[in-house]
Amino acid sequence: MILHTERLVLRPWREADAEDLYMYAKDDQVGPIAGWPPHKNVEESLEIIRTVFAPDEVYAVALKEDDRAIGSIGLNLGAQANFPIGENDGEIGYWMGVPHWGKGYIPEAVRELMRHGFEDLKLDTIWCGYFGGNEKSKRVQEKCGFRHHHSVADMLYKMMNDVRTLHVTNITREQWERTL
């Protein structure tokens, strides 16, 4: 599936995106705050495209003007989520390359994925999360209407081998419909 916004195309990742992915994912300002280590080389980025980014509801965030991947957004459904959610719920995860921060691209992409989740997939609730200290991600969720649900403090996060606080937010279909 391909989704469109005013400035973006949300499309499946392609193997040809590996160099663009590596260019952004090697930056230690991107991965660690989102919960994953910086990529070490283009080959690792290609493997991520083939595995982590392979599911249907994972999209490259690309600018309409050149179709080059500048970030990623995905919707994990039901049991695929990173924390327990309902069977007819989804969890949005996202990141954006540093040169594109502060331009409103991720809120734009999140809003389109919310629309897709509620209108096309008929989800009941969409969840999101951010780690303590990730104020940019917190602001994205607030701008998009997500509300704090709960926090999990002192969580051992194995992927980064550290202890973090996870803040979980959500928005129901009814809450989203009231924003239209």
C-alpha atoms as a PDB file:
ATOM      1  CA  MET A   1       0.000   0.000   0.000  1.00  0.00           C
ATOM      2  CA  ILE A   2       1.083   3.562  -0.694  1.00  0.00           C
ATOM      3  CA  LEU A   3      -0.290   6.480   1.324  1.00  0.00           C
ATOM      4  CA  HIS A   4      -0.041  10.149   0.390  1.00  0.00           C
ATOM      5  CA  THR A   5      -0.040  13.389   2.367  1.00  0.00           C
ATOM      6  CA  GLU A   6       0.400  16.954   1.209  1.00  0.00           C
ATOM      7  CA  ARG A   7       4.221  16.664   1.145  1.00  0.00           C
ATOM      8  CA  LEU A   8       4.975  12.983   1.679  1.00  0.00           C
ATOM      9  CA  VAL A   9       4.633   9.520   0.237  1.00  0.00           C
ATOM     10  CA  LEU A  10       4.444   6.641   2.720  1.00  0.00           C
ATOM     11  CA  ARG A  11       5.502   3.618   0.713  1.00  0.00           C
ATOM     12  CA  PRO A  12       7.034   0.185   1.197  1.00  0.00           C
ATOM     13  CA  TRP A  13      10.779   0.145   1.779  1.00  0.00           C
ATOM     14  CA  ARG A  14      12.881  -0.950  -1.215  1.00  0.00           C
ATOM     15  CA  GLU A  15      16.325  -2.541  -1.213  1.00  0.00           C
ATOM     16  CA  ALA A  16      17.447   0.474  -3.253  1.00  0.00           C
ATOM     17  CA  ASP A  17      16.757   2.611  -0.136  1.00  0.00           C
ATOM     18  CA  ALA A  18      19.640   1.001   1.790  1.00  0.00           C
ATOM     19  CA  GLU A  19      22.129   3.842   1.280  1.00  0.00           C
ATOM     20  CA  ASP A  20      19.585   6.509   2.238  1.00  0.00           C
ATOM     21  CA  LEU A  21      18.586   4.473   5.286  1.00  0.00           C
ATOM     22  CA  TYR A  22      22.203   4.099   6.364  1.00  0.00           C
ATOM     23  CA  MET A  23      22.868   7.837   5.883  1.00  0.00           C
ATOM     24  CA  TYR A  24      20.222   8.641   8.541  1.00  0.00           C
ATOM     25  CA  ALA A  25      20.308   5.509  10.701  1.00  0.00           C
ATOM     26  CA  LYS A  26      24.053   5.708  11.419  1.00  0.00           C
ATOM     27  CA  ASP A  27      23.478   8.986  13.304  1.00  0.00           C
ATOM     28  CA  ASP A  28      23.604   8.416  17.053  1.00  0.00           C
ATOM     29  CA  GLN A  29      20.958  11.144  17.515  1.00  0.00           C
ATOM     30  CA  VAL A  30      18.354   8.958  15.772  1.00  0.00           C
ATOM     31  CA  GLY A  31      18.394   5.300  16.822  1.00  0.00           C
ATOM     32  CA  PRO A  32      19.306   5.308  20.511  1.00  0.00           C
ATOM     33  CA  ILE A  33      16.544   7.746  21.540  1.00  0.00           C
ATOM     34  CA  ALA A  34      14.086   5.580  19.545  1.00  0.00           C
ATOM     35  CA  GLY A  35      15.432   2.368  21.077  1.00  0.00           C
ATOM     36  CA  TRP A  36      17.822   0.895  18.523  1.00  0.00           C
ATOM     37  CA  PRO A  37      21.594   1.119  17.957  1.00  0.00           C
ATOM     38  CA  PRO A  38      23.007   3.178  15.075  1.00  0.00           C
ATOM     39  CA  HIS A  39      23.551   1.194  11.899  1.00  0.00           C
ATOM     40  CA  LYS A  40      27.159   0.161  11.281  1.00  0.00           C
ATOM     41  CA  ASN A  41      27.132  -0.054   7.470  1.00  0.00           C
ATOM     42  CA  VAL A  42      24.941  -0.153   4.348  1.00  0.00           C
ATOM     43  CA  GLU A  43      24.757  -3.959   4.545  1.00  0.00           C
ATOM     44  CA  GLU A  44      23.158  -3.749   7.994  1.00  0.00           C
ATOM     45  CA  SER A  45      20.656  -1.198   6.676  1.00  0.00           C
ATOM     46  CA  LEU A  46      19.820  -3.509   3.765  1.00  0.00           C
ATOM     47  CA  GLU A  47      19.209  -6.381   6.197  1.00  0.00           C
ATOM     48  CA  ILE A  48      16.901  -4.144   8.262  1.00  0.00           C
ATOM     49  CA  ILE A  49      14.933  -3.354   5.083  1.00  0.00           C
ATOM     50  CA  ARG A  50      14.641  -7.084   4.319  1.00  0.00           C
ATOM     51  CA  THR A  51      13.518  -8.038   7.823  1.00  0.00           C
ATOM     52  CA  VAL A  52      12.359  -5.312  10.240  1.00  0.00           C
ATOM     53  CA  PHE A  53      10.866  -3.102   7.500  1.00  0.00           C
ATOM     54  CA  ALA A  54       9.313  -5.984   5.504  1.00  0.00           C
ATOM     55  CA  PRO A  55       5.801  -6.170   7.098  1.00  0.00           C
ATOM     56  CA  ASP A  56       2.881  -4.668   5.182  1.00  0.00           C
ATOM     57  CA  GLU A  57       2.226  -1.758   7.514  1.00  0.00           C
ATOM     58  CA  VAL A  58       5.827  -0.466   7.665  1.00  0.00           C
ATOM     59  CA  TYR A  59       6.520   2.484   5.395  1.00  0.00           C
ATOM     60  CA  ALA A  60       9.436   4.563   4.203  1.00  0.00           C
ATOM     61  CA  VAL A  61       8.650   8.243   4.706  1.00  0.00           C
ATOM     62  CA  ALA A  62       9.663   9.905   1.429  1.00  0.00           C
ATOM     63  CA  LEU A  63       9.330  13.444   0.140  1.00  0.00           C
ATOM     64  CA  LYS A  64       6.982  13.723  -2.847  1.00  0.00           C
ATOM     65  CA  GLU A  65       9.539  15.833  -4.688  1.00  0.00           C
ATOM     66  CA  ASP A  66      12.170  13.075  -5.019  1.00  0.00           C
ATOM     67  CA  ASP A  67      10.744   9.858  -3.436  1.00  0.00           C
ATOM     68  CA  ARG A  68      13.890   9.356  -1.323  1.00  0.00           C
ATOM     69  CA  ALA A  69      13.452   7.772   2.119  1.00  0.00           C
ATOM     70  CA  ILE A  70      14.083  10.260   4.942  1.00  0.00           C
ATOM     71  CA  GLY A  71      12.517   8.307   7.797  1.00  0.00           C
ATOM     72  CA  SER A  72      10.245   5.441   8.705  1.00  0.00           C
ATOM     73  CA  ILE A  73       6.789   4.921  10.150  1.00  0.00           C
ATOM     74  CA  GLY A  74       4.916   1.737  10.900  1.00  0.00           C
ATOM     75  CA  LEU A  75       1.799   0.333  12.437  1.00  0.00           C
ATOM     76  CA  ASN A  76       2.200  -2.842  14.507  1.00  0.00           C
ATOM     77  CA  LEU A  77      -1.148  -4.579  14.839  1.00  0.00           C
ATOM     78  CA  GLY A  78      -2.373  -6.471  17.916  1.00  0.00           C
ATOM     79  CA  ALA A  79       0.186  -8.954  19.213  1.00  0.00           C
ATOM     80  CA  GLN A  80       2.913  -7.483  16.947  1.00  0.00           C
ATOM     81  CA  ALA A  81       3.087  -4.362  19.134  1.00  0.00           C
ATOM     82  CA  ASN A  82       6.015  -3.672  21.458  1.00  0.00           C
ATOM     83  CA  PHE A  83       3.726  -3.698  24.513  1.00  0.00           C
ATOM     84  CA  PRO A  84       0.374  -5.398  25.212  1.00  0.00           C
ATOM     85  CA  ILE A  85      -2.543  -3.882  23.285  1.00  0.00           C
ATOM     86  CA  GLY A  86      -5.933  -5.131  22.134  1.00  0.00           C
ATOM     87  CA  GLU A  87      -6.379  -7.471  19.192  1.00  0.00           C
ATOM     88  CA  ASN A  88      -8.066  -4.721  17.144  1.00  0.00           C
ATOM     89  CA  ASP A  89      -5.560  -2.023  18.153  1.00  0.00           C
ATOM     90  CA  GLY A  90      -2.364  -0.769  16.525  1.00  0.00           C
ATOM     91  CA  GLU A  91       0.884   0.807  17.726  1.00  0.00           C
ATOM     92  CA  ILE A  92       2.574   3.523  15.664  1.00  0.00           C
ATOM     93  CA  GLY A  93       6.361   3.803  15.685  1.00  0.00           C
ATOM     94  CA  TYR A  94       8.413   6.336  13.737  1.00  0.00           C
ATOM     95  CA  TRP A  95      11.738   8.097  13.283  1.00  0.00           C
ATOM     96  CA  MET A  96      13.087  10.814  11.008  1.00  0.00           C
ATOM     97  CA  GLY A  97      16.580  11.675   9.742  1.00  0.00           C
ATOM     98  CA  VAL A  98      18.113  14.631  11.605  1.00  0.00           C
ATOM     99  CA  PRO A  99      18.296  17.035   8.603  1.00  0.00           C
ATOM    100  CA  HIS A 100      14.495  16.785   8.381  1.00  0.00           C
ATOM    101  CA  TRP A 101      13.687  17.433  12.047  1.00  0.00           C
ATOM    102  CA  GLY A 102      11.486  20.402  12.874  1.00  0.00           C
ATOM    103  CA  LYS A 103       9.677  20.521   9.516  1.00  0.00           C
ATOM    104  CA  GLY A 104       6.475  18.794  10.632  1.00  0.00           C
ATOM    105  CA  TYR A 105       6.994  15.700   8.475  1.00  0.00           C
ATOM    106  CA  ILE A 106       6.475  13.130  11.233  1.00  0.00           C
ATOM    107  CA  PRO A 107       3.235  14.649  12.583  1.00  0.00           C
ATOM    108  CA  GLU A 108       2.012  14.738   8.970  1.00  0.00           C
ATOM    109  CA  ALA A 109       2.923  11.067   8.499  1.00  0.00           C
ATOM    110  CA  VAL A 110       1.445  10.051  11.879  1.00  0.00           C
ATOM    111  CA  ARG A 111      -1.861  11.749  11.056  1.00  0.00           C
ATOM    112  CA  GLU A 112      -2.074   9.855   7.762  1.00  0.00           C
ATOM    113  CA  LEU A 113      -1.269   6.543   9.451  1.00  0.00           C
ATOM    114  CA  MET A 114      -3.938   7.306  12.059  1.00  0.00           C
ATOM    115  CA  ARG A 115      -6.447   7.957   9.266  1.00  0.00           C
ATOM    116  CA  HIS A 116      -5.435   4.714   7.568  1.00  0.00           C
ATOM    117  CA  GLY A 117      -5.649   2.780  10.845  1.00  0.00           C
ATOM    118  CA  PHE A 118      -9.075   4.059  11.825  1.00  0.00           C
ATOM    119  CA  GLU A 119     -10.739   4.383   8.396  1.00  0.00           C
ATOM    120  CA  ASP A 120      -9.181   1.575   6.356  1.00  0.00           C
ATOM    121  CA  LEU A 121      -8.183  -0.969   9.024  1.00  0.00           C
ATOM    122  CA  LYS A 122     -11.117  -0.153  11.360  1.00  0.00           C
ATOM    123  CA  LEU A 123      -8.904  -0.131  14.469  1.00  0.00           C
ATOM    124  CA  ASP A 124     -10.428   0.653  17.866  1.00  0.00           C
ATOM    125  CA  THR A 125      -7.414   2.365  19.462  1.00  0.00           C
ATOM    126  CA  ILE A 126      -4.001   3.461  18.243  1.00  0.00           C
ATOM    127  CA  TRP A 127      -1.143   3.444  20.726  1.00  0.00           C
ATOM    128  CA  CYS A 128       2.238   5.113  20.691  1.00  0.00           C
ATOM    129  CA  GLY A 129       5.170   5.329  23.051  1.00  0.00           C
ATOM    130  CA  TYR A 130       8.313   7.297  23.714  1.00  0.00           C
ATOM    131  CA  PHE A 131      11.244   6.863  26.032  1.00  0.00           C
ATOM    132  CA  GLY A 132      11.926   9.363  28.799  1.00  0.00           C
ATOM    133  CA  GLY A 133      14.003  12.247  27.479  1.00  0.00           C
ATOM    134  CA  ASN A 134      12.631  12.022  23.926  1.00  0.00           C
ATOM    135  CA  GLU A 135      10.801  15.351  23.992  1.00  0.00           C
ATOM    136  CA  LYS A 136      10.526  15.509  20.180  1.00  0.00           C
ATOM    137  CA  SER A 137       8.563  12.268  20.068  1.00  0.00           C
ATOM    138  CA  LYS A 138       6.420  13.359  23.004  1.00  0.00           C
ATOM    139  CA  ARG A 139       5.517  16.593  21.145  1.00  0.00           C
ATOM    140  CA  VAL A 140       4.619  14.667  17.980  1.00  0.00           C
ATOM    141  CA  GLN A 141       2.186  12.524  19.948  1.00  0.00           C
ATOM    142  CA  GLU A 142       0.650  15.515  21.703  1.00  0.00           C
ATOM    143  CA  LYS A 143       0.216  17.376  18.376  1.00  0.00           C
ATOM    144  CA  CYS A 144      -1.552  14.335  16.937  1.00  0.00           C
ATOM    145  CA  GLY A 145      -4.010  14.027  19.828  1.00  0.00           C
ATOM    146  CA  PHE A 146      -2.519  11.100  21.734  1.00  0.00           C
ATOM    147  CA  ARG A 147      -3.110  11.147  25.494  1.00  0.00           C
ATOM    148  CA  HIS A 148      -0.881   9.741  28.211  1.00  0.00           C
ATOM    149  CA  HIS A 149      -2.097   6.291  29.279  1.00  0.00           C
ATOM    150  CA  HIS A 150       0.641   4.976  31.557  1.00  0.00           C
ATOM    151  CA  SER A 151       4.396   4.843  32.119  1.00  0.00           C
ATOM    152  CA  VAL A 152       6.712   1.939  32.846  1.00  0.00           C
ATOM    153  CA  ALA A 153       9.699   3.082  34.920  1.00  0.00           C
ATOM    154  CA  ASP A 154      13.047   1.330  35.324  1.00  0.00           C
ATOM    155  CA  MET A 155      12.440  -0.995  32.392  1.00  0.00           C
ATOM    156  CA  LEU A 156      15.460  -3.025  31.267  1.00  0.00           C
ATOM    157  CA  TYR A 157      15.649  -2.406  27.533  1.00  0.00           C
ATOM    158  CA  LYS A 158      17.664  -5.281  26.084  1.00  0.00           C
ATOM    159  CA  MET A 159      18.171  -3.869  22.580  1.00  0.00           C
ATOM    160  CA  MET A 160      20.187  -0.973  24.017  1.00  0.00           C
ATOM    161  CA  ASN A 161      21.295  -2.777  27.209  1.00  0.00           C
ATOM    162  CA  ASP A 162      20.088   0.035  29.457  1.00  0.00           C
ATOM    163  CA  VAL A 163      17.293   1.003  31.827  1.00  0.00           C
ATOM    164  CA  ARG A 164      14.577   3.359  30.551  1.00  0.00           C
ATOM    165  CA  THR A 165      11.177   4.784  31.305  1.00  0.00           C
ATOM    166  CA  LEU A 166       8.572   4.116  28.616  1.00  0.00           C
ATOM    167  CA  HIS A 167       5.658   6.545  28.341  1.00  0.00           C
ATOM    168  CA  VAL A 168       2.638   5.036  26.577  1.00  0.00           C
ATOM    169  CA  THR A 169      -0.022   7.171  24.887  1.00  0.00           C
ATOM    170  CA  ASN A 170      -3.147   6.352  22.915  1.00  0.00           C
ATOM    171  CA  ILE A 171      -6.109   7.708  21.014  1.00  0.00           C
ATOM    172  CA  THR A 172      -9.420   5.937  20.439  1.00  0.00           C
ATOM    173  CA  ARG A 173     -11.369   6.031  17.209  1.00  0.00           C
ATOM    174  CA  GLU A 174     -14.015   8.181  18.923  1.00  0.00           C
ATOM    175  CA  GLN A 175     -11.429  10.681  20.185  1.00  0.00           C
ATOM    176  CA  TRP A 176      -9.870  10.854  16.706  1.00  0.00           C
ATOM    177  CA  GLU A 177     -13.253  11.375  15.025  1.00  0.00           C
ATOM    178  CA  ARG A 178     -13.922  14.371  17.290  1.00  0.00           C
ATOM    179  CA  THR A 179     -10.766  16.048  15.918  1.00  0.00           C
ATOM    180  CA  LEU A 180     -11.967  15.905  12.305  1.00  0.00           C
END
